[in-house]
């Protein structure tokens, strides 16, 4: 597994300086500067840019966190899913993690080599193979899980329950709107 250590400067498309507007809300001056010549209402562009910046930042944090435990983000995802669901067919694992069966096979191969996951036959379908955590895998993911919960609380520091509920609602509204757009 390739090892790396992310620094803040490694973030691609970093919003750069973040400022507070007269309305008390944060914004990225660089986005406004780049879009100003369009003479449009920039609300949607700024909001979606901020969402992309946030998603990239969270992804980089998750990669760094996984690396700390000798995992990749994908391997950590497999371990989390197996921790939550027990023994799972590889095809179902791919669906649950929005991944391809081929990618899941590779991730499980690596986790199996590391002694964290084992393959077991599916009692109901001889063509299917299931994966489950080993004792070592369970121990590893339990320590990761505890730290992960604490990290999520740190990242959302300063946000009220209402802020978080609104954030969840807005993000899922975007998901629903994107599904509609993809269906056109």
Foldseek 3Di string as FASTA:
>chain_A
DDDDDDDPVPQPPALPDWDADPVRDIWRVVQCVVCVVVVDPCVVVGVVSVVVNVVSVVQNVLQNLQVVLVHGSVLLLLLVVQLVPPKAWLVVSCVVVVHDSVVSVVSQVVCVVVQQKDWDADPVDRVIIIIHGDPVNNVSSVVSVVVVVVVVCVVCPPADPVNVVVVVVVVVVVVVVVVVVVVD
